[in-house]
Amino acid sequence: MLYPKYKGGRPKTFTLPERREIKKIAKSEPTEHDLPFSTWSLTKHKDPDREPRRRRANHNRYGGVRHLFAALDLTNDKLYGHIKPIVRRTQFLEYCRYLRSLYPPTVRIAIVCDNFSPHLT
């Protein structure tokens, strides 16, 4: 009824009783009609059991988050990585010391920090 299939010509107009019925439904809560959601939404009308396309940026992470420190050795084609529950400069310095321990002191190491900005205060 809300999306009639027009076949050309002037669009159909709703009668006064039809408009009242539409207003009554629109002003009501979906829970009054035994629907599993709290607000009206066109995507929920199409498929009420649909999973969201992506999570909100501020969704709850009850298991916490993990951070990956990774280093790529270009000469040996090796990837070194450590997963940490928190990221502070002490953990970063630990990882740098670990990388330094992999090579003799005479070898020069270049470290590129991509997307890393700990607060140094």
PDB file of N, CA and C in Angstrom:
ATOM      1  N   MET A   1       0.820  -1.190   0.000  1.00  0.00           N
ATOM      2  CA  MET A   1       0.000   0.000   0.000  1.00  0.00           C
ATOM      3  C   MET A   1       0.869   1.261   0.000  1.00  0.00           C
ATOM      4  N   LEU A   2       2.001   1.232   0.726  1.00  0.00           N
ATOM      5  CA  LEU A   2       2.849   2.413   0.763  1.00  0.00           C
ATOM      6  C   LEU A   2       3.597   2.615  -0.546  1.00  0.00           C
ATOM      7  N   TYR A   3       3.879   1.522  -1.264  1.00  0.00           N
ATOM      8  CA  TYR A   3       4.586   1.614  -2.529  1.00  0.00           C
ATOM      9  C   TYR A   3       3.742   0.999  -3.640  1.00  0.00           C
ATOM     10  N   PRO A   4       2.678   1.684  -4.071  1.00  0.00           N
ATOM     11  CA  PRO A   4       1.854   1.116  -5.141  1.00  0.00           C
ATOM     12  C   PRO A   4       2.624   1.115  -6.452  1.00  0.00           C
ATOM     13  N   LYS A   5       2.343   0.153  -7.302  1.00  0.00           N
ATOM     14  CA  LYS A   5       3.005   0.061  -8.604  1.00  0.00           C
ATOM     15  C   LYS A   5       2.223   0.921  -9.594  1.00  0.00           C
ATOM     16  N   TYR A   6       2.794   2.070  -9.940  1.00  0.00           N
ATOM     17  CA  TYR A   6       2.132   2.980 -10.859  1.00  0.00           C
ATOM     18  C   TYR A   6       2.311   2.482 -12.287  1.00  0.00           C
ATOM     19  N   LYS A   7       1.290   2.666 -13.088  1.00  0.00           N
ATOM     20  CA  LYS A   7       1.350   2.223 -14.479  1.00  0.00           C
ATOM     21  C   LYS A   7       1.147   3.406 -15.410  1.00  0.00           C
ATOM     22  N   GLY A   8       1.817   4.486 -15.142  1.00  0.00           N
ATOM     23  CA  GLY A   8       1.680   5.659 -15.982  1.00  0.00           C
ATOM     24  C   GLY A   8       0.487   6.492 -15.558  1.00  0.00           C
ATOM     25  N   GLY A   9       0.434   7.687 -16.073  1.00  0.00           N
ATOM     26  CA  GLY A   9      -0.666   8.569 -15.730  1.00  0.00           C
ATOM     27  C   GLY A   9      -0.471   9.196 -14.367  1.00  0.00           C
ATOM     28  N   ARG A  10      -1.526   9.759 -13.878  1.00  0.00           N
ATOM     29  CA  ARG A  10      -1.492  10.441 -12.590  1.00  0.00           C
ATOM     30  C   ARG A  10      -1.389   9.418 -11.457  1.00  0.00           C
ATOM     31  N   PRO A  11      -0.519   9.657 -10.447  1.00  0.00           N
ATOM     32  CA  PRO A  11      -0.408   8.720  -9.334  1.00  0.00           C
ATOM     33  C   PRO A  11      -1.708   8.640  -8.541  1.00  0.00           C
ATOM     34  N   LYS A  12      -1.941   7.493  -7.961  1.00  0.00           N
ATOM     35  CA  LYS A  12      -3.137   7.279  -7.155  1.00  0.00           C
ATOM     36  C   LYS A  12      -3.045   8.130  -5.891  1.00  0.00           C
ATOM     37  N   THR A  13      -4.131   8.727  -5.500  1.00  0.00           N
ATOM     38  CA  THR A  13      -4.166   9.480  -4.252  1.00  0.00           C
ATOM     39  C   THR A  13      -4.828   8.617  -3.187  1.00  0.00           C
ATOM     40  N   PHE A  14      -4.362   8.790  -1.955  1.00  0.00           N
ATOM     41  CA  PHE A  14      -4.926   8.026  -0.846  1.00  0.00           C
ATOM     42  C   PHE A  14      -6.214   8.695  -0.380  1.00  0.00           C
ATOM     43  N   THR A  15      -7.165   7.884  -0.021  1.00  0.00           N
ATOM     44  CA  THR A  15      -8.415   8.416   0.519  1.00  0.00           C
ATOM     45  C   THR A  15      -8.184   8.815   1.967  1.00  0.00           C
ATOM     46  N   LEU A  16      -9.121   9.562   2.531  1.00  0.00           N
ATOM     47  CA  LEU A  16      -8.988  10.014   3.909  1.00  0.00           C
ATOM     48  C   LEU A  16      -8.893   8.847   4.893  1.00  0.00           C
ATOM     49  N   PRO A  17      -9.707   7.797   4.796  1.00  0.00           N
ATOM     50  CA  PRO A  17      -9.545   6.666   5.721  1.00  0.00           C
ATOM     51  C   PRO A  17      -8.190   5.953   5.563  1.00  0.00           C
ATOM     52  N   GLU A  18      -7.682   5.874   4.327  1.00  0.00           N
ATOM     53  CA  GLU A  18      -6.361   5.259   4.122  1.00  0.00           C
ATOM     54  C   GLU A  18      -5.269   6.096   4.777  1.00  0.00           C
ATOM     55  N   ARG A  19      -5.371   7.417   4.657  1.00  0.00           N
ATOM     56  CA  ARG A  19      -4.384   8.295   5.285  1.00  0.00           C
ATOM     57  C   ARG A  19      -4.412   8.161   6.805  1.00  0.00           C
ATOM     58  N   ARG A  20      -5.602   8.075   7.375  1.00  0.00           N
ATOM     59  CA  ARG A  20      -5.714   7.920   8.831  1.00  0.00           C
ATOM     60  C   ARG A  20      -5.078   6.609   9.291  1.00  0.00           C
ATOM     61  N   GLU A  21      -5.288   5.544   8.517  1.00  0.00           N
ATOM     62  CA  GLU A  21      -4.709   4.244   8.860  1.00  0.00           C
ATOM     63  C   GLU A  21      -3.177   4.289   8.780  1.00  0.00           C
ATOM     64  N   ILE A  22      -2.662   4.942   7.750  1.00  0.00           N
ATOM     65  CA  ILE A  22      -1.206   5.074   7.600  1.00  0.00           C
ATOM     66  C   ILE A  22      -0.629   5.882   8.755  1.00  0.00           C
ATOM     67  N   LYS A  23      -1.285   6.988   9.129  1.00  0.00           N
ATOM     68  CA  LYS A  23      -0.815   7.807  10.249  1.00  0.00           C
ATOM     69  C   LYS A  23      -0.830   7.022  11.549  1.00  0.00           C
ATOM     70  N   LYS A  24      -1.876   6.232  11.753  1.00  0.00           N
ATOM     71  CA  LYS A  24      -1.984   5.445  12.980  1.00  0.00           C
ATOM     72  C   LYS A  24      -0.826   4.443  13.081  1.00  0.00           C
ATOM     73  N   ILE A  25      -0.500   3.803  11.975  1.00  0.00           N
ATOM     74  CA  ILE A  25       0.611   2.846  11.976  1.00  0.00           C
ATOM     75  C   ILE A  25       1.942   3.570  12.164  1.00  0.00           C
ATOM     76  N   ALA A  26       2.119   4.707  11.485  1.00  0.00           N
ATOM     77  CA  ALA A  26       3.384   5.435  11.566  1.00  0.00           C
ATOM     78  C   ALA A  26       3.642   5.993  12.958  1.00  0.00           C
ATOM     79  N   LYS A  27       2.583   6.386  13.675  1.00  0.00           N
ATOM     80  CA  LYS A  27       2.754   6.943  15.017  1.00  0.00           C
ATOM     81  C   LYS A  27       2.908   5.869  16.087  1.00  0.00           C
ATOM     82  N   SER A  28       2.596   4.635  15.760  1.00  0.00           N
ATOM     83  CA  SER A  28       2.701   3.557  16.747  1.00  0.00           C
ATOM     84  C   SER A  28       4.131   3.023  16.802  1.00  0.00           C
ATOM     85  N   GLU A  29       4.412   2.252  17.836  1.00  0.00           N
ATOM     86  CA  GLU A  29       5.706   1.598  17.995  1.00  0.00           C
ATOM     87  C   GLU A  29       5.668   0.243  17.299  1.00  0.00           C
ATOM     88  N   PRO A  30       6.774  -0.210  16.721  1.00  0.00           N
ATOM     89  CA  PRO A  30       6.786  -1.535  16.089  1.00  0.00           C
ATOM     90  C   PRO A  30       6.490  -2.665  17.075  1.00  0.00           C
ATOM     91  N   THR A  31       6.837  -2.471  18.346  1.00  0.00           N
ATOM     92  CA  THR A  31       6.577  -3.521  19.340  1.00  0.00           C
ATOM     93  C   THR A  31       5.083  -3.727  19.563  1.00  0.00           C
ATOM     94  N   GLU A  32       4.266  -2.715  19.266  1.00  0.00           N
ATOM     95  CA  GLU A  32       2.815  -2.860  19.395  1.00  0.00           C
ATOM     96  C   GLU A  32       2.251  -3.821  18.356  1.00  0.00           C
ATOM     97  N   HIS A  33       3.020  -4.041  17.297  1.00  0.00           N
ATOM     98  CA  HIS A  33       2.592  -4.946  16.227  1.00  0.00           C
ATOM     99  C   HIS A  33       3.360  -6.266  16.284  1.00  0.00           C
ATOM    100  N   ASP A  34       3.947  -6.576  17.438  1.00  0.00           N
ATOM    101  CA  ASP A  34       4.735  -7.797  17.654  1.00  0.00           C
ATOM    102  C   ASP A  34       5.909  -7.905  16.690  1.00  0.00           C
ATOM    103  N   LEU A  35       6.573  -6.789  16.439  1.00  0.00           N
ATOM    104  CA  LEU A  35       7.765  -6.787  15.596  1.00  0.00           C
ATOM    105  C   LEU A  35       8.997  -6.697  16.494  1.00  0.00           C
ATOM    106  N   PRO A  36      10.133  -7.313  16.096  1.00  0.00           N
ATOM    107  CA  PRO A  36      11.284  -7.425  16.994  1.00  0.00           C
ATOM    108  C   PRO A  36      12.198  -6.210  17.040  1.00  0.00           C
ATOM    109  N   PHE A  37      11.763  -5.041  16.588  1.00  0.00           N
ATOM    110  CA  PHE A  37      12.620  -3.864  16.642  1.00  0.00           C
ATOM    111  C   PHE A  37      11.867  -2.705  17.276  1.00  0.00           C
ATOM    112  N   SER A  38      12.620  -1.675  17.690  1.00  0.00           N
ATOM    113  CA  SER A  38      12.016  -0.599  18.473  1.00  0.00           C
ATOM    114  C   SER A  38      11.687   0.647  17.655  1.00  0.00           C
ATOM    115  N   THR A  39      12.273   0.804  16.469  1.00  0.00           N
ATOM    116  CA  THR A  39      11.979   1.964  15.625  1.00  0.00           C
ATOM    117  C   THR A  39      11.689   1.496  14.209  1.00  0.00           C
ATOM    118  N   TRP A  40      10.965   2.331  13.471  1.00  0.00           N
ATOM    119  CA  TRP A  40      10.644   1.986  12.090  1.00  0.00           C
ATOM    120  C   TRP A  40      11.851   2.237  11.206  1.00  0.00           C
ATOM    121  N   SER A  41      12.136   1.309  10.321  1.00  0.00           N
ATOM    122  CA  SER A  41      13.262   1.419   9.405  1.00  0.00           C
ATOM    123  C   SER A  41      12.939   0.630   8.142  1.00  0.00           C
ATOM    124  N   LEU A  42      13.226   1.200   6.986  1.00  0.00           N
ATOM    125  CA  LEU A  42      12.916   0.507   5.732  1.00  0.00           C
ATOM    126  C   LEU A  42      13.732  -0.765   5.571  1.00  0.00           C
ATOM    127  N   THR A  43      15.008  -0.748   6.002  1.00  0.00           N
ATOM    128  CA  THR A  43      15.823  -1.961   5.868  1.00  0.00           C
ATOM    129  C   THR A  43      15.304  -3.067   6.767  1.00  0.00           C
ATOM    130  N   LYS A  44      14.759  -2.710   7.937  1.00  0.00           N
ATOM    131  CA  LYS A  44      14.213  -3.736   8.823  1.00  0.00           C
ATOM    132  C   LYS A  44      12.897  -4.284   8.287  1.00  0.00           C
ATOM    133  N   HIS A  45      12.157  -3.463   7.545  1.00  0.00           N
ATOM    134  CA  HIS A  45      10.934  -3.971   6.921  1.00  0.00           C
ATOM    135  C   HIS A  45      11.265  -5.031   5.882  1.00  0.00           C
ATOM    136  N   LYS A  46      12.332  -4.812   5.120  1.00  0.00           N
ATOM    137  CA  LYS A  46      12.699  -5.760   4.073  1.00  0.00           C
ATOM    138  C   LYS A  46      13.156  -7.085   4.666  1.00  0.00           C
ATOM    139  N   ASP A  47      14.076  -7.024   5.654  1.00  0.00           N
ATOM    140  CA  ASP A  47      14.633  -8.243   6.238  1.00  0.00           C
ATOM    141  C   ASP A  47      14.929  -7.985   7.711  1.00  0.00           C
ATOM    142  N   PRO A  48      14.003  -8.310   8.625  1.00  0.00           N
ATOM    143  CA  PRO A  48      14.210  -7.998  10.042  1.00  0.00           C
ATOM    144  C   PRO A  48      15.374  -8.746  10.676  1.00  0.00           C
ATOM    145  N   ASP A  49      15.776  -9.897  10.125  1.00  0.00           N
ATOM    146  CA  ASP A  49      16.860 -10.683  10.723  1.00  0.00           C
ATOM    147  C   ASP A  49      18.221 -10.355  10.120  1.00  0.00           C
ATOM    148  N   ARG A  50      18.289  -9.326   9.305  1.00  0.00           N
ATOM    149  CA  ARG A  50      19.539  -8.971   8.633  1.00  0.00           C
ATOM    150  C   ARG A  50      20.583  -8.494   9.633  1.00  0.00           C
ATOM    151  N   GLU A  51      21.824  -8.942   9.433  1.00  0.00           N
ATOM    152  CA  GLU A  51      22.941  -8.460  10.240  1.00  0.00           C
ATOM    153  C   GLU A  51      23.363  -7.083   9.720  1.00  0.00           C
ATOM    154  N   PRO A  52      23.847  -6.204  10.590  1.00  0.00           N
ATOM    155  CA  PRO A  52      24.307  -4.907  10.097  1.00  0.00           C
ATOM    156  C   PRO A  52      25.514  -5.081   9.172  1.00  0.00           C
ATOM    157  N   ARG A  53      25.645  -4.172   8.207  1.00  0.00           N
ATOM    158  CA  ARG A  53      26.745  -4.279   7.250  1.00  0.00           C
ATOM    159  C   ARG A  53      28.091  -4.100   7.933  1.00  0.00           C
ATOM    160  N   ARG A  54      28.165  -3.215   8.887  1.00  0.00           N
ATOM    161  CA  ARG A  54      29.412  -3.007   9.612  1.00  0.00           C
ATOM    162  C   ARG A  54      29.096  -2.551  11.021  1.00  0.00           C
ATOM    163  N   ARG A  55      30.035  -2.722  11.894  1.00  0.00           N
ATOM    164  CA  ARG A  55      29.829  -2.323  13.285  1.00  0.00           C
ATOM    165  C   ARG A  55      30.099  -0.832  13.438  1.00  0.00           C
ATOM    166  N   ARG A  56      29.438  -0.257  14.421  1.00  0.00           N
ATOM    167  CA  ARG A  56      29.695   1.143  14.716  1.00  0.00           C
ATOM    168  C   ARG A  56      31.104   1.276  15.282  1.00  0.00           C
ATOM    169  N   ALA A  57      31.686   2.442  15.149  1.00  0.00           N
ATOM    170  CA  ALA A  57      33.055   2.655  15.617  1.00  0.00           C
ATOM    171  C   ALA A  57      33.154   2.563  17.130  1.00  0.00           C
ATOM    172  N   ASN A  58      32.078   2.831  17.829  1.00  0.00           N
ATOM    173  CA  ASN A  58      32.133   2.821  19.289  1.00  0.00           C
ATOM    174  C   ASN A  58      31.416   1.608  19.872  1.00  0.00           C
ATOM    175  N   HIS A  59      31.398   0.478  19.141  1.00  0.00           N
ATOM    176  CA  HIS A  59      30.741  -0.704  19.693  1.00  0.00           C
ATOM    177  C   HIS A  59      31.579  -1.272  20.838  1.00  0.00           C
ATOM    178  N   ASN A  60      30.936  -2.011  21.734  1.00  0.00           N
ATOM    179  CA  ASN A  60      31.624  -2.547  22.903  1.00  0.00           C
ATOM    180  C   ASN A  60      32.505  -3.718  22.508  1.00  0.00           C
ATOM    181  N   ARG A  61      33.749  -3.679  22.965  1.00  0.00           N
ATOM    182  CA  ARG A  61      34.691  -4.773  22.735  1.00  0.00           C
ATOM    183  C   ARG A  61      34.930  -5.440  24.081  1.00  0.00           C
ATOM    184  N   TYR A  62      34.045  -6.361  24.426  1.00  0.00           N
ATOM    185  CA  TYR A  62      34.097  -6.962  25.755  1.00  0.00           C
ATOM    186  C   TYR A  62      35.346  -7.810  25.964  1.00  0.00           C
ATOM    187  N   GLY A  63      35.887  -8.359  24.906  1.00  0.00           N
ATOM    188  CA  GLY A  63      37.105  -9.159  25.033  1.00  0.00           C
ATOM    189  C   GLY A  63      38.361  -8.322  24.973  1.00  0.00           C
ATOM    190  N   GLY A  64      38.222  -7.020  24.831  1.00  0.00           N
ATOM    191  CA  GLY A  64      39.377  -6.146  24.706  1.00  0.00           C
ATOM    192  C   GLY A  64      39.893  -6.133  23.279  1.00  0.00           C
ATOM    193  N   VAL A  65      40.944  -5.378  23.048  1.00  0.00           N
ATOM    194  CA  VAL A  65      41.559  -5.309  21.727  1.00  0.00           C
ATOM    195  C   VAL A  65      43.005  -5.772  21.838  1.00  0.00           C
ATOM    196  N   ARG A  66      43.585  -6.124  20.745  1.00  0.00           N
ATOM    197  CA  ARG A  66      44.982  -6.535  20.691  1.00  0.00           C
ATOM    198  C   ARG A  66      45.697  -5.667  19.662  1.00  0.00           C
ATOM    199  N   HIS A  67      46.987  -5.460  19.890  1.00  0.00           N
ATOM    200  CA  HIS A  67      47.795  -4.622  19.009  1.00  0.00           C
ATOM    201  C   HIS A  67      48.939  -5.460  18.467  1.00  0.00           C
ATOM    202  N   LEU A  68      49.220  -5.299  17.202  1.00  0.00           N
ATOM    203  CA  LEU A  68      50.264  -6.077  16.547  1.00  0.00           C
ATOM    204  C   LEU A  68      51.453  -5.187  16.242  1.00  0.00           C
ATOM    205  N   PHE A  69      52.611  -5.561  16.797  1.00  0.00           N
ATOM    206  CA  PHE A  69      53.877  -4.970  16.383  1.00  0.00           C
ATOM    207  C   PHE A  69      54.453  -5.913  15.345  1.00  0.00           C
ATOM    208  N   ALA A  70      54.793  -5.420  14.188  1.00  0.00           N
ATOM    209  CA  ALA A  70      55.322  -6.284  13.136  1.00  0.00           C
ATOM    210  C   ALA A  70      56.511  -5.620  12.464  1.00  0.00           C
ATOM    211  N   ALA A  71      57.460  -6.453  12.052  1.00  0.00           N
ATOM    212  CA  ALA A  71      58.640  -5.974  11.340  1.00  0.00           C
ATOM    213  C   ALA A  71      58.924  -6.923  10.191  1.00  0.00           C
ATOM    214  N   LEU A  72      59.295  -6.361   9.060  1.00  0.00           N
ATOM    215  CA  LEU A  72      59.599  -7.152   7.873  1.00  0.00           C
ATOM    216  C   LEU A  72      61.079  -7.038   7.570  1.00  0.00           C
ATOM    217  N   ASP A  73      61.755  -8.173   7.531  1.00  0.00           N
ATOM    218  CA  ASP A  73      63.165  -8.227   7.154  1.00  0.00           C
ATOM    219  C   ASP A  73      63.215  -8.413   5.644  1.00  0.00           C
ATOM    220  N   LEU A  74      63.607  -7.377   4.927  1.00  0.00           N
ATOM    221  CA  LEU A  74      63.584  -7.421   3.468  1.00  0.00           C
ATOM    222  C   LEU A  74      64.664  -8.325   2.890  1.00  0.00           C
ATOM    223  N   THR A  75      65.806  -8.440   3.569  1.00  0.00           N
ATOM    224  CA  THR A  75      66.885  -9.269   3.020  1.00  0.00           C
ATOM    225  C   THR A  75      66.580 -10.754   3.157  1.00  0.00           C
ATOM    226  N   ASN A  76      65.997 -11.173   4.290  1.00  0.00           N
ATOM    227  CA  ASN A  76      65.700 -12.595   4.509  1.00  0.00           C
ATOM    228  C   ASN A  76      64.247 -12.949   4.195  1.00  0.00           C
ATOM    229  N   ASP A  77      63.438 -11.963   3.856  1.00  0.00           N
ATOM    230  CA  ASP A  77      62.014 -12.159   3.568  1.00  0.00           C
ATOM    231  C   ASP A  77      61.298 -12.829   4.744  1.00  0.00           C
ATOM    232  N   LYS A  78      61.522 -12.290   5.956  1.00  0.00           N
ATOM    233  CA  LYS A  78      60.889 -12.821   7.167  1.00  0.00           C
ATOM    234  C   LYS A  78      60.051 -11.731   7.813  1.00  0.00           C
ATOM    235  N   LEU A  79      58.976 -12.168   8.447  1.00  0.00           N
ATOM    236  CA  LEU A  79      58.092 -11.256   9.157  1.00  0.00           C
ATOM    237  C   LEU A  79      58.130 -11.603  10.638  1.00  0.00           C
ATOM    238  N   TYR A  80      58.437 -10.620  11.477  1.00  0.00           N
ATOM    239  CA  TYR A  80      58.473 -10.803  12.921  1.00  0.00           C
ATOM    240  C   TYR A  80      57.316 -10.020  13.526  1.00  0.00           C
ATOM    241  N   GLY A  81      56.585 -10.636  14.439  1.00  0.00           N
ATOM    242  CA  GLY A  81      55.452  -9.938  15.032  1.00  0.00           C
ATOM    243  C   GLY A  81      55.207 -10.327  16.469  1.00  0.00           C
ATOM    244  N   HIS A  82      54.747  -9.377  17.246  1.00  0.00           N
ATOM    245  CA  HIS A  82      54.338  -9.593  18.635  1.00  0.00           C
ATOM    246  C   HIS A  82      52.959  -8.985  18.819  1.00  0.00           C
ATOM    247  N   ILE A  83      52.097  -9.689  19.523  1.00  0.00           N
ATOM    248  CA  ILE A  83      50.756  -9.186  19.820  1.00  0.00           C
ATOM    249  C   ILE A  83      50.724  -8.762  21.279  1.00  0.00           C
ATOM    250  N   LYS A  84      50.292  -7.540  21.526  1.00  0.00           N
ATOM    251  CA  LYS A  84      50.267  -6.981  22.883  1.00  0.00           C
ATOM    252  C   LYS A  84      48.850  -6.544  23.246  1.00  0.00           C
ATOM    253  N   PRO A  85      48.460  -6.715  24.521  1.00  0.00           N
ATOM    254  CA  PRO A  85      47.121  -6.265  24.932  1.00  0.00           C
ATOM    255  C   PRO A  85      47.024  -4.750  25.095  1.00  0.00           C
ATOM    256  N   ILE A  86      48.145  -4.100  25.416  1.00  0.00           N
ATOM    257  CA  ILE A  86      48.158  -2.638  25.537  1.00  0.00           C
ATOM    258  C   ILE A  86      49.351  -2.104  24.762  1.00  0.00           C
ATOM    259  N   VAL A  87      49.271  -0.860  24.345  1.00  0.00           N
ATOM    260  CA  VAL A  87      50.371  -0.246  23.609  1.00  0.00           C
ATOM    261  C   VAL A  87      50.787   1.019  24.333  1.00  0.00           C
ATOM    262  N   ARG A  88      51.984   0.973  24.844  1.00  0.00           N
ATOM    263  CA  ARG A  88      52.612   2.156  25.431  1.00  0.00           C
ATOM    264  C   ARG A  88      54.043   2.177  24.940  1.00  0.00           C
ATOM    265  N   ARG A  89      54.748   3.207  25.250  1.00  0.00           N
ATOM    266  CA  ARG A  89      56.105   3.284  24.716  1.00  0.00           C
ATOM    267  C   ARG A  89      57.013   2.211  25.289  1.00  0.00           C
ATOM    268  N   THR A  90      56.719   1.726  26.499  1.00  0.00           N
ATOM    269  CA  THR A  90      57.561   0.657  27.053  1.00  0.00           C
ATOM    270  C   THR A  90      57.435  -0.618  26.221  1.00  0.00           C
ATOM    271  N   GLN A  91      56.215  -0.943  25.775  1.00  0.00           N
ATOM    272  CA  GLN A  91      56.034  -2.126  24.930  1.00  0.00           C
ATOM    273  C   GLN A  91      56.715  -1.925  23.571  1.00  0.00           C
ATOM    274  N   PHE A  92      56.647  -0.717  23.055  1.00  0.00           N
ATOM    275  CA  PHE A  92      57.304  -0.446  21.777  1.00  0.00           C
ATOM    276  C   PHE A  92      58.819  -0.565  21.914  1.00  0.00           C
ATOM    277  N   LEU A  93      59.370  -0.040  23.005  1.00  0.00           N
ATOM    278  CA  LEU A  93      60.817  -0.144  23.214  1.00  0.00           C
ATOM    279  C   LEU A  93      61.245  -1.588  23.436  1.00  0.00           C
ATOM    280  N   GLU A  94      60.404  -2.378  24.117  1.00  0.00           N
ATOM    281  CA  GLU A  94      60.691  -3.814  24.258  1.00  0.00           C
ATOM    282  C   GLU A  94      60.804  -4.465  22.890  1.00  0.00           C
ATOM    283  N   TYR A  95      59.875  -4.135  22.016  1.00  0.00           N
ATOM    284  CA  TYR A  95      59.880  -4.727  20.682  1.00  0.00           C
ATOM    285  C   TYR A  95      61.105  -4.264  19.887  1.00  0.00           C
ATOM    286  N   CYS A  96      61.492  -3.010  20.047  1.00  0.00           N
ATOM    287  CA  CYS A  96      62.697  -2.514  19.371  1.00  0.00           C
ATOM    288  C   CYS A  96      63.940  -3.242  19.878  1.00  0.00           C
ATOM    289  N   ARG A  97      64.000  -3.495  21.188  1.00  0.00           N
ATOM    290  CA  ARG A  97      65.135  -4.255  21.745  1.00  0.00           C
ATOM    291  C   ARG A  97      65.153  -5.678  21.204  1.00  0.00           C
ATOM    292  N   TYR A  98      63.961  -6.264  21.058  1.00  0.00           N
ATOM    293  CA  TYR A  98      63.868  -7.608  20.483  1.00  0.00           C
ATOM    294  C   TYR A  98      64.410  -7.611  19.053  1.00  0.00           C
ATOM    295  N   LEU A  99      64.013  -6.620  18.262  1.00  0.00           N
ATOM    296  CA  LEU A  99      64.513  -6.534  16.887  1.00  0.00           C
ATOM    297  C   LEU A  99      66.026  -6.346  16.858  1.00  0.00           C
ATOM    298  N   ARG A 100      66.533  -5.541  17.786  1.00  0.00           N
ATOM    299  CA  ARG A 100      67.985  -5.318  17.843  1.00  0.00           C
ATOM    300  C   ARG A 100      68.719  -6.614  18.188  1.00  0.00           C
ATOM    301  N   SER A 101      68.095  -7.456  19.019  1.00  0.00           N
ATOM    302  CA  SER A 101      68.746  -8.706  19.432  1.00  0.00           C
ATOM    303  C   SER A 101      68.815  -9.730  18.292  1.00  0.00           C
ATOM    304  N   LEU A 102      68.046  -9.545  17.245  1.00  0.00           N
ATOM    305  CA  LEU A 102      68.054 -10.489  16.122  1.00  0.00           C
ATOM    306  C   LEU A 102      69.286 -10.333  15.229  1.00  0.00           C
ATOM    307  N   TYR A 103      69.971  -9.203  15.320  1.00  0.00           N
ATOM    308  CA  TYR A 103      71.090  -8.905  14.431  1.00  0.00           C
ATOM    309  C   TYR A 103      72.320  -8.539  15.248  1.00  0.00           C
ATOM    310  N   PRO A 104      73.497  -8.759  14.689  1.00  0.00           N
ATOM    311  CA  PRO A 104      74.718  -8.355  15.406  1.00  0.00           C
ATOM    312  C   PRO A 104      74.792  -6.831  15.534  1.00  0.00           C
ATOM    313  N   PRO A 105      75.526  -6.352  16.538  1.00  0.00           N
ATOM    314  CA  PRO A 105      75.592  -4.895  16.764  1.00  0.00           C
ATOM    315  C   PRO A 105      76.178  -4.107  15.593  1.00  0.00           C
ATOM    316  N   THR A 106      76.936  -4.759  14.741  1.00  0.00           N
ATOM    317  CA  THR A 106      77.544  -4.031  13.618  1.00  0.00           C
ATOM    318  C   THR A 106      76.554  -3.769  12.482  1.00  0.00           C
ATOM    319  N   VAL A 107      75.441  -4.486  12.475  1.00  0.00           N
ATOM    320  CA  VAL A 107      74.444  -4.319  11.411  1.00  0.00           C
ATOM    321  C   VAL A 107      73.545  -3.130  11.738  1.00  0.00           C
ATOM    322  N   ARG A 108      73.386  -2.263  10.750  1.00  0.00           N
ATOM    323  CA  ARG A 108      72.532  -1.091  10.942  1.00  0.00           C
ATOM    324  C   ARG A 108      71.084  -1.461  10.604  1.00  0.00           C
ATOM    325  N   ILE A 109      70.143  -1.048  11.475  1.00  0.00           N
ATOM    326  CA  ILE A 109      68.729  -1.371  11.298  1.00  0.00           C
ATOM    327  C   ILE A 109      67.960  -0.070  11.066  1.00  0.00           C
ATOM    328  N   ALA A 110      67.061  -0.088  10.097  1.00  0.00           N
ATOM    329  CA  ALA A 110      66.173   1.057   9.855  1.00  0.00           C
ATOM    330  C   ALA A 110      64.759   0.644  10.245  1.00  0.00           C
ATOM    331  N   ILE A 111      64.124   1.422  11.109  1.00  0.00           N
ATOM    332  CA  ILE A 111      62.764   1.133  11.562  1.00  0.00           C
ATOM    333  C   ILE A 111      61.847   2.242  11.055  1.00  0.00           C
ATOM    334  N   VAL A 112      60.802   1.840  10.349  1.00  0.00           N
ATOM    335  CA  VAL A 112      59.797   2.785   9.862  1.00  0.00           C
ATOM    336  C   VAL A 112      58.537   2.557  10.681  1.00  0.00           C
ATOM    337  N   CYS A 113      58.089   3.581  11.393  1.00  0.00           N
ATOM    338  CA  CYS A 113      56.883   3.468  12.222  1.00  0.00           C
ATOM    339  C   CYS A 113      55.692   3.963  11.404  1.00  0.00           C
ATOM    340  N   ASP A 114      54.846   3.034  11.028  1.00  0.00           N
ATOM    341  CA  ASP A 114      53.663   3.373  10.246  1.00  0.00           C
ATOM    342  C   ASP A 114      52.447   3.317  11.156  1.00  0.00           C
ATOM    343  N   ASN A 115      51.726   4.419  11.268  1.00  0.00           N
ATOM    344  CA  ASN A 115      50.508   4.486  12.083  1.00  0.00           C
ATOM    345  C   ASN A 115      50.790   4.200  13.556  1.00  0.00           C
ATOM    346  N   PHE A 116      51.864   4.739  14.072  1.00  0.00           N
ATOM    347  CA  PHE A 116      52.197   4.535  15.481  1.00  0.00           C
ATOM    348  C   PHE A 116      52.431   5.893  16.109  1.00  0.00           C
ATOM    349  N   SER A 117      51.652   6.229  17.135  1.00  0.00           N
ATOM    350  CA  SER A 117      51.828   7.527  17.784  1.00  0.00           C
ATOM    351  C   SER A 117      51.510   7.413  19.272  1.00  0.00           C
ATOM    352  N   PRO A 118      52.412   6.839  20.071  1.00  0.00           N
ATOM    353  CA  PRO A 118      52.142   6.765  21.510  1.00  0.00           C
ATOM    354  C   PRO A 118      52.308   8.140  22.146  1.00  0.00           C
ATOM    355  N   HIS A 119      51.598   8.351  23.218  1.00  0.00           N
ATOM    356  CA  HIS A 119      51.758   9.597  23.964  1.00  0.00           C
ATOM    357  C   HIS A 119      53.015   9.476  24.805  1.00  0.00           C
ATOM    358  N   LEU A 120      53.907  10.406  24.666  1.00  0.00           N
ATOM    359  CA  LEU A 120      55.204  10.311  25.335  1.00  0.00           C
ATOM    360  C   LEU A 120      55.236  11.084  26.648  1.00  0.00           C
ATOM    361  N   THR A 121      54.108  11.405  27.214  1.00  0.00           N
ATOM    362  CA  THR A 121      54.106  12.154  28.471  1.00  0.00           C
ATOM    363  C   THR A 121      54.048  11.213  29.642  1.00  0.00           C
TER     364      THR A 121
END
